[in-house]
Amino acid sequence: MAFPLSVFSAQVDGMLASEGASLTDCSQLVRYRQIKQAVERYSTDRPDQYTEDLTGDGGKYYPITSLTKFVDYFSRVVWVEYPAQAITADHQPQYLDDEAWWDDYRVSGNTRYLFFPNHSPALTETVRVQYTAPYQWVASSVTSAISQVAHGFVVGDYVYQQTSDSTWVEAPDQRIATHIITVQPGADTATAALLQTTLPTNDFFALCNLAAGYCCQAIADKYSRTSDSGINADSVGNHVTRAGEFSRRAKELIALYEKHLGIGADEGRFNPAGEFISLDVTPGWPASRQYLHHGGWS
């Protein structure tokens, strides 16, 4: 299901209010960015998955960039089906063993390839690949009209609105953006759509717990920086107390998220953390396959 930033924010805002936080303690821009940070972590903990078909060319090497949502240094191939057929053929899928494909073969220039050591798919054959990817942010139907002299934006620019003076600014990195320009009718006006992402509905509230936890931590950091000598001792003490309260609540909310995803280190559960043991394999083997992960019980 698609969730605009505003839907996340409505839930997170309610959670912060229940904690006694004033929204002035954590501006809307900050809340939006904490939500995006939460989704970025969620993408690592439980990444999205896509399946795409590649057409054979008679060779063994296929650029990873041909997979439209593959993100280098994040995505990984989950499985490869070959030869693949249309679903209408009612075929039995045939998955290649892990040893039959490498997803991290690189050459000069750091170009990354999907390599088949034992197969050369023909022009008439299809290779079906499933891989992981981060959750992406796209334009929602929630829009804002921009009326700003010589804003300089063009369609596709990622932007955000500053809290201090409400000026719209182009985001140097789309990860900190809250909107994307969808219409540019003139040099002084434009339309910006709020960003949204699509994720499993059953994880929505857990992700809001994580985002609220990040917001609580931001509030705690704000209170802990109180060092103005002009503030009386009682006020300083109150700020220190508030910092401790929000820091504690941040840990609790983040723990709720981790418990929902089953990634905590509760007693008696398998701990995903472990050690990597070198297998001392031949140099030609892909870098991503040189280690065996050895976990342990907590």
Protein backbone atom coordinates (compact mmCIF):
# COMPACT_ATOMS: atom_id res chain seq x y z
CA MET A 1 0.00 0.00 0.00
CA ALA A 2 1.20 3.54 -0.78
CA PHE A 3 1.78 5.80 2.22
CA PRO A 4 2.49 9.53 1.72
CA LEU A 5 4.77 11.24 4.22
CA SER A 6 1.68 12.98 5.63
CA VAL A 7 0.12 9.63 6.63
CA PHE A 8 3.28 8.60 8.47
CA SER A 9 3.44 12.04 10.07
CA ALA A 10 -0.16 11.91 11.32
CA GLN A 11 0.58 8.70 13.21
CA VAL A 12 3.98 9.84 14.48
CA ASP A 13 2.59 13.24 15.56
CA GLY A 14 -0.07 11.52 17.64
CA MET A 15 2.53 9.30 19.28
CA LEU A 16 4.75 12.27 20.12
CA ALA A 17 1.79 14.17 21.58
CA SER A 18 1.04 11.21 23.83
CA GLU A 19 4.64 11.42 25.06
CA GLY A 20 4.12 15.04 26.03
CA ALA A 21 6.27 16.38 23.20
CA SER A 22 5.49 19.73 21.66
CA LEU A 23 5.72 19.62 17.87
CA THR A 24 7.84 22.75 18.14
CA ASP A 25 10.44 20.50 19.77
CA CYS A 26 10.68 18.61 16.48
CA SER A 27 9.64 20.57 13.37
CA GLN A 28 7.65 18.98 10.58
CA LEU A 29 10.72 18.99 8.34
CA VAL A 30 12.67 17.12 11.01
CA ARG A 31 9.78 14.67 11.49
CA TYR A 32 9.60 14.02 7.75
CA ARG A 33 13.32 13.33 7.65
CA GLN A 34 13.18 11.00 10.65
CA ILE A 35 10.40 9.10 8.85
CA LYS A 36 12.57 8.81 5.75
CA GLN A 37 15.49 7.65 7.89
CA ALA A 38 13.21 5.01 9.42
CA VAL A 39 12.19 3.76 5.97
CA GLU A 40 15.85 3.65 4.96
CA ARG A 41 16.62 1.40 7.94
CA TYR A 42 13.53 -0.69 7.22
CA SER A 43 14.81 -1.15 3.67
CA THR A 44 17.94 -2.72 5.14
CA ASP A 45 16.11 -4.87 7.70
CA ARG A 46 13.37 -6.06 5.33
CA PRO A 47 14.19 -4.91 1.77
CA ASP A 48 11.72 -4.72 -1.06
CA GLN A 49 12.01 -7.40 -3.76
CA TYR A 50 11.58 -7.11 -7.52
CA THR A 51 11.54 -9.67 -10.29
CA GLU A 52 12.62 -8.81 -13.82
CA ASP A 53 13.26 -10.73 -17.01
CA LEU A 54 16.50 -10.47 -18.98
CA THR A 55 16.73 -11.53 -22.61
CA GLY A 56 19.66 -13.74 -23.49
CA ASP A 57 22.30 -12.48 -25.91
CA GLY A 58 24.37 -15.65 -26.29
CA GLY A 59 26.90 -14.47 -23.72
CA LYS A 60 27.70 -15.06 -20.07
CA TYR A 61 27.81 -11.44 -18.79
CA TYR A 62 24.78 -9.20 -18.15
CA PRO A 63 25.15 -5.67 -16.70
CA ILE A 64 23.46 -5.34 -13.33
CA THR A 65 22.33 -1.85 -14.43
CA SER A 66 19.88 -3.54 -16.80
CA LEU A 67 17.81 -4.35 -13.69
CA THR A 68 15.83 -1.13 -13.34
CA LYS A 69 15.63 -0.90 -9.52
CA PHE A 70 18.95 -2.52 -8.64
CA VAL A 71 21.02 -0.27 -6.33
CA ASP A 72 24.73 -1.00 -6.28
CA TYR A 73 26.20 -1.73 -2.83
CA PHE A 74 22.68 -2.37 -1.51
CA SER A 75 20.82 -4.82 -3.73
CA ARG A 76 21.60 -8.50 -4.05
CA VAL A 77 20.25 -11.21 -6.30
CA VAL A 78 17.96 -13.63 -4.43
CA TRP A 79 17.42 -16.25 -7.11
CA VAL A 80 17.81 -16.82 -10.85
CA GLU A 81 15.37 -18.84 -12.94
CA TYR A 82 16.70 -20.16 -16.24
CA PRO A 83 15.38 -20.92 -18.74
CA ALA A 84 12.26 -18.99 -17.73
CA GLN A 85 8.94 -19.08 -19.55
CA ALA A 86 5.78 -16.99 -19.52
CA ILE A 87 3.41 -17.74 -16.63
CA THR A 88 0.75 -18.66 -19.19
CA ALA A 89 2.89 -21.65 -20.17
CA ASP A 90 2.16 -23.27 -16.78
CA HIS A 91 5.80 -24.31 -16.58
CA GLN A 92 7.73 -25.69 -13.63
CA PRO A 93 10.25 -23.02 -12.56
CA GLN A 94 13.87 -24.14 -12.79
CA TYR A 95 16.12 -22.24 -10.40
CA LEU A 96 19.88 -22.23 -10.87
CA ASP A 97 22.06 -23.32 -7.97
CA ASP A 98 23.90 -20.48 -6.25
CA GLU A 99 27.16 -21.69 -7.77
CA ALA A 100 25.72 -21.22 -11.27
CA TRP A 101 25.62 -17.42 -11.10
CA TRP A 102 27.68 -14.59 -9.63
CA ASP A 103 26.07 -11.21 -8.94
CA ASP A 104 29.20 -9.20 -8.11
CA TYR A 105 31.59 -9.67 -10.99
CA ARG A 106 33.30 -6.33 -11.67
CA VAL A 107 35.71 -5.02 -14.28
CA SER A 108 37.68 -1.79 -14.63
CA GLY A 109 35.45 1.23 -14.11
CA ASN A 110 33.63 -0.78 -11.42
CA THR A 111 30.98 -1.98 -13.88
CA ARG A 112 29.09 -4.82 -12.21
CA TYR A 113 27.82 -7.88 -14.05
CA LEU A 114 25.61 -10.90 -13.46
CA PHE A 115 27.85 -13.73 -14.66
CA PHE A 116 26.90 -17.30 -15.62
CA PRO A 117 29.98 -19.57 -15.53
CA ASN A 118 28.14 -22.58 -17.00
CA HIS A 119 25.44 -21.03 -19.22
CA SER A 120 25.18 -18.75 -22.25
CA PRO A 121 21.48 -17.84 -22.61
CA ALA A 122 20.44 -17.70 -26.26
CA LEU A 123 18.59 -14.80 -27.89
CA THR A 124 15.39 -16.83 -27.68
CA GLU A 125 15.79 -17.53 -23.95
CA THR A 126 14.73 -15.59 -20.87
CA VAL A 127 16.54 -15.24 -17.55
CA ARG A 128 14.24 -14.31 -14.64
CA VAL A 129 15.96 -12.57 -11.73
CA GLN A 130 14.63 -11.68 -8.30
CA TYR A 131 16.64 -9.13 -6.31
CA THR A 132 16.37 -6.86 -3.29
CA ALA A 133 16.01 -3.08 -3.45
CA PRO A 134 15.35 -0.20 -1.06
CA TYR A 135 11.85 1.21 -0.82
CA GLN A 136 11.58 4.13 -3.20
CA TRP A 137 9.91 7.52 -2.77
CA VAL A 138 7.73 8.80 -5.60
CA ALA A 139 5.20 11.60 -6.12
CA SER A 140 1.89 11.29 -4.27
CA SER A 141 -1.40 13.03 -5.06
CA VAL A 142 -0.83 15.44 -2.14
CA THR A 143 0.50 18.66 -3.67
CA SER A 144 1.65 22.13 -2.61
CA ALA A 145 1.63 25.28 -4.74
CA ILE A 146 4.96 27.09 -4.82
CA SER A 147 4.89 30.86 -5.24
CA GLN A 148 8.50 31.94 -5.03
CA VAL A 149 10.32 34.44 -7.22
CA ALA A 150 12.92 32.84 -9.51
CA HIS A 151 12.78 29.50 -7.71
CA GLY A 152 14.84 27.84 -10.45
CA PHE A 153 13.12 24.46 -10.13
CA VAL A 154 12.35 22.13 -13.02
CA VAL A 155 10.14 19.06 -13.16
CA GLY A 156 11.81 16.17 -11.36
CA ASP A 157 13.76 18.27 -8.86
CA TYR A 158 13.65 17.04 -5.26
CA VAL A 159 12.87 19.89 -2.84
CA TYR A 160 11.90 20.73 0.73
CA GLN A 161 10.52 23.76 2.55
CA GLN A 162 12.73 25.36 5.18
CA THR A 163 11.23 25.63 8.66
CA SER A 164 12.89 28.97 9.37
CA ASP A 165 11.41 31.08 6.55
CA SER A 166 9.22 28.69 4.50
CA THR A 167 11.53 29.09 1.49
CA TRP A 168 11.57 26.13 -0.90
CA VAL A 169 15.06 24.73 -1.48
CA GLU A 170 16.39 22.09 -3.86
CA ALA A 171 17.58 19.02 -1.95
CA PRO A 172 21.24 18.15 -2.62
CA ASP A 173 20.30 14.51 -1.98
CA GLN A 174 16.84 13.06 -2.57
CA ARG A 175 17.07 11.25 0.78
CA ILE A 176 16.48 14.53 2.60
CA ALA A 177 13.77 15.78 0.23
CA THR A 178 10.09 15.85 1.15
CA HIS A 179 8.59 16.80 -2.25
CA ILE A 180 9.27 16.48 -5.96
CA ILE A 181 8.44 19.12 -8.57
CA THR A 182 5.68 17.81 -10.85
CA VAL A 183 4.55 21.01 -12.63
CA GLN A 184 6.54 24.11 -13.54
CA PRO A 185 4.14 26.64 -15.11
CA GLY A 186 6.47 29.63 -14.73
CA ALA A 187 9.67 31.05 -13.30
CA ASP A 188 7.89 32.12 -10.10
CA THR A 189 5.38 29.29 -9.60
CA ALA A 190 5.44 25.51 -9.50
CA THR A 191 3.67 22.50 -8.02
CA ALA A 192 5.41 20.12 -5.64
CA ALA A 193 4.02 16.68 -4.80
CA LEU A 194 4.62 15.18 -1.36
CA LEU A 195 6.64 11.97 -1.53
CA GLN A 196 5.16 8.56 -0.79
CA THR A 197 6.42 5.01 -0.60
CA THR A 198 4.80 1.61 -0.94
CA LEU A 199 5.37 -0.97 1.78
CA PRO A 200 3.57 -3.91 3.45
CA THR A 201 0.56 -2.64 5.41
CA ASN A 202 1.22 -4.93 8.35
CA ASP A 203 4.57 -3.19 9.00
CA PHE A 204 3.19 0.36 8.94
CA PHE A 205 2.72 0.86 12.69
CA ALA A 206 6.03 -0.81 13.50
CA LEU A 207 7.78 1.59 11.14
CA CYS A 208 5.96 4.51 12.79
CA ASN A 209 7.33 3.28 16.14
CA LEU A 210 10.82 3.48 14.66
CA ALA A 211 10.23 6.96 13.22
CA ALA A 212 8.76 8.20 16.52
CA GLY A 213 11.77 6.73 18.31
CA TYR A 214 14.10 8.69 16.04
CA CYS A 215 12.05 11.85 16.70
CA CYS A 216 12.26 11.26 20.47
CA GLN A 217 16.01 10.89 20.17
CA ALA A 218 16.19 14.16 18.22
CA ILE A 219 14.19 15.88 20.97
CA ALA A 220 16.44 14.36 23.63
CA ASP A 221 19.49 15.64 21.79
CA LYS A 222 17.94 19.10 21.65
CA TYR A 223 17.33 19.19 25.41
CA SER A 224 20.75 17.76 26.22
CA ARG A 225 22.47 20.61 24.39
CA THR A 226 21.18 23.14 26.93
CA SER A 227 24.27 24.98 28.14
CA ASP A 228 23.27 28.65 28.08
CA SER A 229 24.61 30.24 31.27
CA GLY A 230 21.65 32.63 31.20
CA ILE A 231 19.22 29.79 31.92
CA ASN A 232 18.53 29.26 35.62
CA ALA A 233 19.43 26.04 37.37
CA ASP A 234 15.84 24.82 37.58
CA SER A 235 15.37 25.15 33.83
CA VAL A 236 18.64 23.38 33.13
CA GLY A 237 17.65 20.56 35.47
CA ASN A 238 14.28 20.27 33.77
CA HIS A 239 15.96 20.07 30.36
CA VAL A 240 18.29 17.33 31.59
CA THR A 241 15.32 15.38 32.93
CA ARG A 242 13.40 15.81 29.68
CA ALA A 243 16.44 14.69 27.70
CA GLY A 244 16.63 11.52 29.78
CA GLU A 245 12.90 10.83 29.42
CA PHE A 246 12.89 11.19 25.64
CA SER A 247 16.10 9.20 25.28
CA ARG A 248 14.57 6.34 27.28
CA ARG A 249 11.36 6.47 25.27
CA ALA A 250 13.33 6.49 22.02
CA LYS A 251 14.99 3.20 23.00
CA GLU A 252 11.62 1.69 23.92
CA LEU A 253 9.98 2.66 20.62
CA ILE A 254 12.92 1.41 18.56
CA ALA A 255 12.80 -1.86 20.55
CA LEU A 256 9.09 -2.25 19.65
CA TYR A 257 10.01 -1.94 15.97
CA GLU A 258 12.78 -4.51 16.30
CA LYS A 259 10.51 -6.91 18.17
CA HIS A 260 7.89 -6.68 15.42
CA LEU A 261 10.48 -7.54 12.77
CA GLY A 262 12.07 -10.20 14.94
CA ILE A 263 15.53 -8.66 14.73
CA GLY A 264 16.19 -7.99 18.41
CA ALA A 265 18.50 -10.05 20.58
CA ASP A 266 15.94 -11.38 23.07
CA GLU A 267 17.09 -14.22 25.28
CA GLY A 268 16.71 -17.63 23.66
CA ARG A 269 16.28 -16.31 20.13
CA PHE A 270 18.81 -16.70 17.35
CA ASN A 271 20.97 -13.61 17.17
CA PRO A 272 21.62 -12.52 13.57
CA ALA A 273 24.97 -11.07 14.60
CA GLY A 274 27.94 -13.39 14.25
CA GLU A 275 31.39 -13.73 12.82
CA PHE A 276 32.62 -14.10 9.25
CA ILE A 277 35.08 -16.89 8.57
CA SER A 278 37.32 -16.78 5.52
CA LEU A 279 36.97 -19.80 3.27
CA ASP A 280 40.28 -19.10 1.47
CA VAL A 281 38.72 -19.81 -1.88
CA THR A 282 40.36 -19.16 -5.22
CA PRO A 283 40.90 -15.50 -6.21
CA GLY A 284 38.46 -15.80 -9.12
CA TRP A 285 35.51 -16.41 -6.85
CA PRO A 286 33.26 -13.34 -6.38
CA ALA A 287 34.08 -11.14 -3.39
CA SER A 288 30.56 -11.56 -2.03
CA ARG A 289 31.08 -15.31 -1.67
CA GLN A 290 34.42 -15.37 0.17
CA TYR A 291 32.94 -15.67 3.66
CA LEU A 292 30.79 -18.01 5.62
CA HIS A 293 28.54 -16.32 8.19
CA HIS A 294 28.62 -18.14 11.51
CA GLY A 295 25.90 -16.94 13.86
CA GLY A 296 25.17 -17.93 17.41
CA TRP A 297 22.50 -18.13 20.05
CA SER A 298 22.07 -15.16 22.34
